[in-house]
Amino acid sequence: MSKKRMTKREDKVALQVLIPRELYNRVLEVAVRVYGVQRGAMSLAVEEALAYWLQMHTQTHTPYNPRLTTREVFDRVLMALRDYLGYMPLKVRRENLVVAIKRARQIRDERSVKRWIQAFCDEGLLKPMGCSNPKYATAFEIIPLKASPY
């Protein structure tokens, strides 16, 4: 019983596909530049392209509709507030903020609105005026984004 020599080609499969000649020539030209070899450059390019294609079509851990961050929701609330009032205020009354949150998030539930106000205050995007508790504040100051030091 002799040991069989394992070569690089034994775990490979021949694939025959039809593609436009112009595409073939362009891929071959770039593959030779990228991989630095003439022989096998096309195989390497096709292998890499198929691996990329598989990766793009088999990822299930990435949600199609990722949840928005608190900052993104706040930006949408500010846009709704501007549309509602006609200008961008620096200070906003609770009633106007509630309307803007309901419009931006398309919600009706008062508890959800209270949670969003609390989340905005916790993130430092809103500051309650008159008292320290956002639950009882009748007005809020909109905290502008700080300029990046870079």
N, C-alpha and C. Protein backbone atom coordinates (compact mmCIF):
# COMPACT_ATOMS: atom_id res chain seq x y z
N MET A 1 0.83 -1.17 0.00
CA MET A 1 0.00 0.00 0.00
C MET A 1 0.88 1.24 0.00
N SER A 2 0.74 2.02 -1.02
CA SER A 2 1.56 3.23 -1.12
C SER A 2 0.77 4.45 -0.65
N LYS A 3 1.52 5.38 -0.12
CA LYS A 3 0.89 6.62 0.31
C LYS A 3 0.62 7.49 -0.91
N LYS A 4 -0.56 8.01 -0.96
CA LYS A 4 -0.94 8.86 -2.08
C LYS A 4 -0.49 10.29 -1.79
N ARG A 5 0.17 10.89 -2.78
CA ARG A 5 0.63 12.27 -2.61
C ARG A 5 -0.53 13.23 -2.75
N MET A 6 -0.68 14.14 -1.82
CA MET A 6 -1.73 15.14 -1.84
C MET A 6 -1.20 16.36 -2.59
N THR A 7 -1.85 16.76 -3.64
CA THR A 7 -1.45 17.96 -4.38
C THR A 7 -2.46 19.06 -4.12
N LYS A 8 -2.11 20.26 -4.51
CA LYS A 8 -2.99 21.41 -4.31
C LYS A 8 -4.28 21.29 -5.10
N ARG A 9 -4.25 20.61 -6.20
CA ARG A 9 -5.41 20.56 -7.09
C ARG A 9 -6.44 19.51 -6.67
N GLU A 10 -6.09 18.61 -5.75
CA GLU A 10 -7.02 17.56 -5.39
C GLU A 10 -8.25 18.06 -4.67
N ASP A 11 -8.14 19.16 -3.96
CA ASP A 11 -9.30 19.68 -3.26
C ASP A 11 -9.98 20.81 -4.05
N LYS A 12 -9.66 20.91 -5.31
CA LYS A 12 -10.26 21.93 -6.17
C LYS A 12 -11.22 21.28 -7.15
N VAL A 13 -12.14 22.09 -7.67
CA VAL A 13 -13.12 21.64 -8.64
C VAL A 13 -13.05 22.55 -9.85
N ALA A 14 -13.10 21.97 -11.03
CA ALA A 14 -13.11 22.76 -12.26
C ALA A 14 -14.50 23.36 -12.44
N LEU A 15 -14.54 24.63 -12.80
CA LEU A 15 -15.80 25.34 -12.98
C LEU A 15 -15.78 26.01 -14.34
N GLN A 16 -16.80 25.77 -15.11
CA GLN A 16 -16.87 26.41 -16.41
C GLN A 16 -18.09 27.33 -16.42
N VAL A 17 -17.84 28.61 -16.66
CA VAL A 17 -18.92 29.60 -16.72
C VAL A 17 -18.75 30.44 -17.98
N LEU A 18 -19.83 31.01 -18.43
CA LEU A 18 -19.79 31.89 -19.59
C LEU A 18 -20.00 33.32 -19.13
N ILE A 19 -19.02 34.16 -19.43
CA ILE A 19 -19.11 35.58 -19.11
C ILE A 19 -18.72 36.37 -20.35
N PRO A 20 -19.11 37.62 -20.43
CA PRO A 20 -18.72 38.43 -21.60
C PRO A 20 -17.20 38.54 -21.70
N ARG A 21 -16.70 38.53 -22.93
CA ARG A 21 -15.26 38.59 -23.17
C ARG A 21 -14.64 39.85 -22.57
N GLU A 22 -15.34 40.98 -22.68
CA GLU A 22 -14.82 42.24 -22.15
C GLU A 22 -14.62 42.14 -20.63
N LEU A 23 -15.59 41.54 -19.93
CA LEU A 23 -15.47 41.36 -18.50
C LEU A 23 -14.30 40.44 -18.17
N TYR A 24 -14.16 39.35 -18.92
CA TYR A 24 -13.06 38.42 -18.72
C TYR A 24 -11.71 39.13 -18.86
N ASN A 25 -11.57 39.93 -19.92
CA ASN A 25 -10.29 40.63 -20.15
C ASN A 25 -9.99 41.62 -19.03
N ARG A 26 -11.00 42.34 -18.56
CA ARG A 26 -10.79 43.31 -17.49
C ARG A 26 -10.41 42.61 -16.19
N VAL A 27 -11.11 41.50 -15.87
CA VAL A 27 -10.81 40.77 -14.63
C VAL A 27 -9.40 40.19 -14.69
N LEU A 28 -9.04 39.62 -15.83
CA LEU A 28 -7.70 39.02 -15.97
C LEU A 28 -6.63 40.08 -15.82
N GLU A 29 -6.83 41.25 -16.41
CA GLU A 29 -5.85 42.34 -16.33
C GLU A 29 -5.65 42.78 -14.88
N VAL A 30 -6.75 42.96 -14.16
CA VAL A 30 -6.65 43.40 -12.77
C VAL A 30 -6.11 42.28 -11.89
N ALA A 31 -6.52 41.05 -12.13
CA ALA A 31 -6.06 39.90 -11.33
C ALA A 31 -4.55 39.74 -11.41
N VAL A 32 -4.00 39.92 -12.59
CA VAL A 32 -2.55 39.79 -12.76
C VAL A 32 -1.84 40.88 -11.95
N ARG A 33 -2.41 42.10 -11.97
CA ARG A 33 -1.81 43.19 -11.19
C ARG A 33 -1.91 42.94 -9.69
N VAL A 34 -3.08 42.47 -9.25
CA VAL A 34 -3.31 42.28 -7.82
C VAL A 34 -2.49 41.12 -7.27
N TYR A 35 -2.52 39.99 -7.95
CA TYR A 35 -1.87 38.79 -7.43
C TYR A 35 -0.42 38.64 -7.89
N GLY A 36 -0.02 39.40 -8.89
CA GLY A 36 1.37 39.40 -9.32
C GLY A 36 1.82 38.16 -10.07
N VAL A 37 0.90 37.32 -10.45
CA VAL A 37 1.25 36.13 -11.22
C VAL A 37 0.31 36.02 -12.40
N GLN A 38 0.81 35.45 -13.49
CA GLN A 38 -0.02 35.25 -14.67
C GLN A 38 -0.83 33.97 -14.51
N ARG A 39 -0.13 32.90 -14.17
CA ARG A 39 -0.79 31.60 -14.06
C ARG A 39 -1.53 31.49 -12.73
N GLY A 40 -2.82 31.26 -12.77
CA GLY A 40 -3.62 31.10 -11.57
C GLY A 40 -4.26 32.38 -11.06
N ALA A 41 -3.97 33.51 -11.67
CA ALA A 41 -4.52 34.77 -11.21
C ALA A 41 -6.04 34.80 -11.35
N MET A 42 -6.55 34.28 -12.48
CA MET A 42 -7.99 34.27 -12.70
C MET A 42 -8.68 33.37 -11.67
N SER A 43 -8.08 32.22 -11.38
CA SER A 43 -8.66 31.32 -10.37
C SER A 43 -8.73 31.99 -9.01
N LEU A 44 -7.67 32.68 -8.64
CA LEU A 44 -7.65 33.37 -7.36
C LEU A 44 -8.72 34.47 -7.31
N ALA A 45 -8.86 35.22 -8.40
CA ALA A 45 -9.85 36.30 -8.45
C ALA A 45 -11.27 35.75 -8.36
N VAL A 46 -11.55 34.67 -9.09
CA VAL A 46 -12.89 34.08 -9.06
C VAL A 46 -13.18 33.48 -7.68
N GLU A 47 -12.19 32.83 -7.10
CA GLU A 47 -12.37 32.25 -5.77
C GLU A 47 -12.69 33.33 -4.74
N GLU A 48 -11.96 34.43 -4.80
CA GLU A 48 -12.20 35.54 -3.88
C GLU A 48 -13.59 36.16 -4.10
N ALA A 49 -13.97 36.31 -5.36
CA ALA A 49 -15.28 36.88 -5.68
C ALA A 49 -16.42 35.99 -5.20
N LEU A 50 -16.28 34.68 -5.38
CA LEU A 50 -17.33 33.76 -4.92
C LEU A 50 -17.41 33.72 -3.40
N ALA A 51 -16.28 33.79 -2.73
CA ALA A 51 -16.28 33.81 -1.27
C ALA A 51 -16.98 35.07 -0.77
N TYR A 52 -16.69 36.19 -1.41
CA TYR A 52 -17.35 37.46 -1.05
C TYR A 52 -18.85 37.36 -1.29
N TRP A 53 -19.25 36.80 -2.42
CA TRP A 53 -20.66 36.65 -2.76
C TRP A 53 -21.36 35.79 -1.72
N LEU A 54 -20.74 34.68 -1.33
CA LEU A 54 -21.32 33.82 -0.30
C LEU A 54 -21.48 34.54 1.03
N GLN A 55 -20.47 35.30 1.38
CA GLN A 55 -20.51 36.03 2.64
C GLN A 55 -21.67 37.03 2.64
N MET A 56 -21.87 37.71 1.53
CA MET A 56 -22.94 38.70 1.44
C MET A 56 -24.33 38.07 1.49
N HIS A 57 -24.46 36.83 1.02
CA HIS A 57 -25.78 36.21 0.92
C HIS A 57 -26.07 35.18 2.00
N THR A 58 -25.14 34.96 2.91
CA THR A 58 -25.39 33.98 3.96
C THR A 58 -25.28 34.56 5.36
N GLN A 59 -25.04 35.83 5.51
CA GLN A 59 -24.97 36.44 6.83
C GLN A 59 -26.37 36.57 7.39
N THR A 60 -26.62 35.93 8.51
CA THR A 60 -27.94 36.01 9.13
C THR A 60 -27.91 36.77 10.44
N HIS A 61 -26.72 37.07 10.95
CA HIS A 61 -26.65 37.76 12.22
C HIS A 61 -26.86 39.26 12.10
N THR A 62 -26.76 39.82 10.92
CA THR A 62 -26.96 41.25 10.74
C THR A 62 -28.43 41.52 10.45
N PRO A 63 -29.09 42.28 11.30
CA PRO A 63 -30.51 42.55 11.06
C PRO A 63 -30.70 43.44 9.83
N TYR A 64 -31.79 43.20 9.14
CA TYR A 64 -32.07 44.00 7.95
C TYR A 64 -32.48 45.42 8.34
N ASN A 65 -33.17 45.58 9.45
CA ASN A 65 -33.58 46.87 9.94
C ASN A 65 -32.98 47.08 11.33
N PRO A 66 -31.73 47.50 11.40
CA PRO A 66 -31.13 47.65 12.73
C PRO A 66 -31.83 48.74 13.53
N ARG A 67 -31.86 48.56 14.83
CA ARG A 67 -32.50 49.53 15.73
C ARG A 67 -31.72 50.83 15.71
N LEU A 68 -32.44 51.95 15.69
CA LEU A 68 -31.80 53.26 15.68
C LEU A 68 -31.19 53.57 17.05
N THR A 69 -30.12 54.31 17.04
CA THR A 69 -29.52 54.76 18.29
C THR A 69 -30.36 55.89 18.86
N THR A 70 -30.14 56.18 20.12
CA THR A 70 -30.87 57.28 20.76
C THR A 70 -30.58 58.59 20.05
N ARG A 71 -29.35 58.78 19.61
CA ARG A 71 -28.99 60.01 18.89
C ARG A 71 -29.74 60.12 17.57
N GLU A 72 -29.87 59.01 16.84
CA GLU A 72 -30.60 59.03 15.57
C GLU A 72 -32.08 59.32 15.78
N VAL A 73 -32.66 58.75 16.83
CA VAL A 73 -34.06 59.04 17.14
C VAL A 73 -34.20 60.51 17.53
N PHE A 74 -33.28 61.02 18.31
CA PHE A 74 -33.32 62.42 18.72
C PHE A 74 -33.23 63.35 17.51
N ASP A 75 -32.38 63.02 16.56
CA ASP A 75 -32.28 63.83 15.34
C ASP A 75 -33.60 63.84 14.58
N ARG A 76 -34.28 62.70 14.54
CA ARG A 76 -35.58 62.65 13.88
C ARG A 76 -36.63 63.45 14.65
N VAL A 77 -36.54 63.43 15.97
CA VAL A 77 -37.46 64.22 16.78
C VAL A 77 -37.21 65.71 16.54
N LEU A 78 -35.95 66.11 16.43
CA LEU A 78 -35.63 67.51 16.15
C LEU A 78 -36.18 67.95 14.79
N MET A 79 -36.08 67.06 13.81
CA MET A 79 -36.63 67.40 12.49
C MET A 79 -38.15 67.54 12.56
N ALA A 80 -38.81 66.64 13.31
CA ALA A 80 -40.26 66.73 13.48
C ALA A 80 -40.63 67.99 14.24
N LEU A 81 -39.82 68.36 15.21
CA LEU A 81 -40.06 69.58 15.98
C LEU A 81 -39.93 70.81 15.09
N ARG A 82 -38.92 70.81 14.24
CA ARG A 82 -38.74 71.92 13.31
C ARG A 82 -39.90 72.02 12.32
N ASP A 83 -40.36 70.88 11.83
CA ASP A 83 -41.50 70.88 10.92
C ASP A 83 -42.77 71.35 11.62
N TYR A 84 -42.93 70.97 12.88
CA TYR A 84 -44.14 71.31 13.64
C TYR A 84 -44.17 72.80 14.00
N LEU A 85 -43.02 73.31 14.47
CA LEU A 85 -42.97 74.71 14.92
C LEU A 85 -42.61 75.68 13.79
N GLY A 86 -41.95 75.20 12.77
CA GLY A 86 -41.51 76.09 11.69
C GLY A 86 -40.12 76.66 11.91
N TYR A 87 -39.50 76.37 13.02
CA TYR A 87 -38.15 76.82 13.32
C TYR A 87 -37.52 75.84 14.30
N MET A 88 -36.22 75.92 14.49
CA MET A 88 -35.53 75.03 15.41
C MET A 88 -35.30 75.77 16.73
N PRO A 89 -36.02 75.38 17.78
CA PRO A 89 -35.87 76.09 19.06
C PRO A 89 -34.65 75.61 19.84
N LEU A 90 -34.20 76.45 20.76
CA LEU A 90 -33.14 76.06 21.69
C LEU A 90 -33.75 75.53 22.98
N LYS A 91 -34.98 76.00 23.26
CA LYS A 91 -35.74 75.53 24.42
C LYS A 91 -37.11 75.14 23.90
N VAL A 92 -37.66 74.05 24.46
CA VAL A 92 -38.93 73.54 23.96
C VAL A 92 -39.84 73.18 25.14
N ARG A 93 -41.11 73.50 24.98
CA ARG A 93 -42.09 73.13 26.00
C ARG A 93 -42.41 71.65 25.86
N ARG A 94 -42.79 71.04 26.98
CA ARG A 94 -43.08 69.62 27.00
C ARG A 94 -44.15 69.24 25.98
N GLU A 95 -45.19 70.04 25.84
CA GLU A 95 -46.28 69.71 24.92
C GLU A 95 -45.77 69.59 23.48
N ASN A 96 -44.92 70.53 23.09
CA ASN A 96 -44.36 70.50 21.73
C ASN A 96 -43.42 69.32 21.54
N LEU A 97 -42.65 69.00 22.57
CA LEU A 97 -41.74 67.86 22.50
C LEU A 97 -42.51 66.55 22.38
N VAL A 98 -43.61 66.44 23.11
CA VAL A 98 -44.44 65.24 23.04
C VAL A 98 -45.00 65.05 21.64
N VAL A 99 -45.49 66.14 21.04
CA VAL A 99 -46.02 66.06 19.67
C VAL A 99 -44.93 65.62 18.70
N ALA A 100 -43.72 66.19 18.85
CA ALA A 100 -42.61 65.86 17.94
C ALA A 100 -42.19 64.39 18.09
N ILE A 101 -42.14 63.90 19.32
CA ILE A 101 -41.77 62.49 19.55
C ILE A 101 -42.82 61.57 18.93
N LYS A 102 -44.08 61.89 19.14
CA LYS A 102 -45.16 61.07 18.58
C LYS A 102 -45.10 61.04 17.07
N ARG A 103 -44.79 62.18 16.46
CA ARG A 103 -44.70 62.23 14.99
C ARG A 103 -43.47 61.50 14.48
N ALA A 104 -42.34 61.69 15.13
CA ALA A 104 -41.09 61.08 14.66
C ALA A 104 -41.11 59.57 14.83
N ARG A 105 -41.66 59.09 15.94
CA ARG A 105 -41.67 57.65 16.23
C ARG A 105 -42.96 56.98 15.81
N GLN A 106 -43.95 57.77 15.40
CA GLN A 106 -45.26 57.26 14.99
C GLN A 106 -45.87 56.41 16.10
N ILE A 107 -45.93 57.00 17.28
CA ILE A 107 -46.49 56.31 18.44
C ILE A 107 -47.60 57.15 19.04
N ARG A 108 -48.44 56.52 19.84
CA ARG A 108 -49.52 57.22 20.54
C ARG A 108 -49.41 57.05 22.05
N ASP A 109 -48.68 56.07 22.48
CA ASP A 109 -48.59 55.70 23.88
C ASP A 109 -47.80 56.75 24.68
N GLU A 110 -48.42 57.27 25.72
CA GLU A 110 -47.77 58.29 26.56
C GLU A 110 -46.57 57.73 27.32
N ARG A 111 -46.65 56.45 27.70
CA ARG A 111 -45.53 55.86 28.43
C ARG A 111 -44.27 55.80 27.57
N SER A 112 -44.45 55.49 26.28
CA SER A 112 -43.30 55.46 25.37
C SER A 112 -42.69 56.85 25.22
N VAL A 113 -43.54 57.86 25.15
CA VAL A 113 -43.05 59.24 25.05
C VAL A 113 -42.24 59.59 26.29
N LYS A 114 -42.74 59.23 27.47
CA LYS A 114 -42.01 59.52 28.71
C LYS A 114 -40.66 58.81 28.73
N ARG A 115 -40.64 57.57 28.23
CA ARG A 115 -39.37 56.83 28.18
C ARG A 115 -38.37 57.50 27.24
N TRP A 116 -38.85 57.99 26.09
CA TRP A 116 -37.95 58.67 25.17
C TRP A 116 -37.42 59.96 25.78
N ILE A 117 -38.26 60.71 26.46
CA ILE A 117 -37.79 61.94 27.11
C ILE A 117 -36.72 61.59 28.14
N GLN A 118 -36.96 60.55 28.93
CA GLN A 118 -35.97 60.12 29.93
C GLN A 118 -34.67 59.69 29.25
N ALA A 119 -34.77 58.95 28.15
CA ALA A 119 -33.57 58.48 27.44
C ALA A 119 -32.79 59.66 26.87
N PHE A 120 -33.49 60.66 26.33
CA PHE A 120 -32.81 61.84 25.78
C PHE A 120 -32.08 62.60 26.89
N CYS A 121 -32.71 62.69 28.06
CA CYS A 121 -32.06 63.37 29.19
C CYS A 121 -30.87 62.56 29.70
N ASP A 122 -31.03 61.24 29.79
CA ASP A 122 -29.93 60.39 30.23
C ASP A 122 -28.72 60.47 29.31
N GLU A 123 -28.98 60.62 28.00
CA GLU A 123 -27.89 60.72 27.02
C GLU A 123 -27.27 62.12 26.97
N GLY A 124 -27.88 63.08 27.66
CA GLY A 124 -27.36 64.45 27.66
C GLY A 124 -27.78 65.24 26.44
N LEU A 125 -28.86 64.82 25.79
CA LEU A 125 -29.35 65.53 24.60
C LEU A 125 -30.38 66.59 24.98
N LEU A 126 -31.08 66.36 26.08
CA LEU A 126 -32.05 67.31 26.63
C LEU A 126 -31.69 67.58 28.08
N LYS A 127 -32.03 68.80 28.52
CA LYS A 127 -31.82 69.15 29.92
C LYS A 127 -33.13 69.73 30.45
N PRO A 128 -33.70 69.13 31.50
CA PRO A 128 -34.95 69.67 32.04
C PRO A 128 -34.73 71.05 32.66
N MET A 129 -35.70 71.92 32.45
CA MET A 129 -35.60 73.28 33.00
C MET A 129 -36.59 73.40 34.16
N GLY A 130 -36.20 74.10 35.19
CA GLY A 130 -37.08 74.34 36.33
C GLY A 130 -36.93 73.30 37.43
N CYS A 131 -36.66 72.08 37.09
CA CYS A 131 -36.43 71.03 38.09
C CYS A 131 -35.46 70.02 37.50
N SER A 132 -34.91 69.18 38.34
CA SER A 132 -33.90 68.24 37.85
C SER A 132 -34.51 66.94 37.33
N ASN A 133 -35.77 66.69 37.65
CA ASN A 133 -36.41 65.45 37.24
C ASN A 133 -37.18 65.66 35.93
N PRO A 134 -36.81 64.94 34.85
CA PRO A 134 -37.49 65.11 33.56
C PRO A 134 -38.97 64.76 33.62
N LYS A 135 -39.35 63.96 34.61
CA LYS A 135 -40.74 63.53 34.73
C LYS A 135 -41.66 64.72 35.02
N TYR A 136 -41.14 65.72 35.75
CA TYR A 136 -41.97 66.85 36.18
C TYR A 136 -41.64 68.15 35.45
N ALA A 137 -40.65 68.14 34.59
CA ALA A 137 -40.24 69.36 33.89
C ALA A 137 -41.30 69.76 32.86
N THR A 138 -41.54 71.07 32.76
CA THR A 138 -42.50 71.58 31.77
C THR A 138 -41.81 72.10 30.54
N ALA A 139 -40.48 72.27 30.61
CA ALA A 139 -39.71 72.75 29.47
C ALA A 139 -38.34 72.08 29.50
N PHE A 140 -37.72 72.03 28.31
CA PHE A 140 -36.42 71.38 28.17
C PHE A 140 -35.51 72.25 27.31
N GLU A 141 -34.25 72.21 27.65
CA GLU A 141 -33.22 72.86 26.83
C GLU A 141 -32.60 71.81 25.92
N ILE A 142 -32.49 72.15 24.64
CA ILE A 142 -31.86 71.24 23.69
C ILE A 142 -30.36 71.49 23.74
N ILE A 143 -29.62 70.46 24.06
CA ILE A 143 -28.16 70.58 24.20
C ILE A 143 -27.53 70.41 22.81
N PRO A 144 -26.82 71.43 22.31
CA PRO A 144 -26.19 71.29 20.99
C PRO A 144 -25.02 70.32 21.03
N LEU A 145 -24.73 69.73 19.88
CA LEU A 145 -23.57 68.85 19.78
C LEU A 145 -22.30 69.65 19.95
N LYS A 146 -21.36 69.08 20.70
CA LYS A 146 -20.09 69.75 20.88
C LYS A 146 -19.23 69.51 19.65
N ALA A 147 -18.47 70.52 19.27
CA ALA A 147 -17.59 70.38 18.11
C ALA A 147 -16.47 69.38 18.44
N SER A 148 -16.11 68.60 17.47
CA SER A 148 -15.05 67.61 17.66
C SER A 148 -13.71 68.32 17.82
N PRO A 149 -12.87 67.89 18.78
CA PRO A 149 -11.56 68.53 18.96
C PRO A 149 -10.57 68.18 17.86
N TYR A 150 -10.93 67.26 16.97
CA TYR A 150 -10.00 66.81 15.93
C TYR A 150 -10.17 67.58 14.67
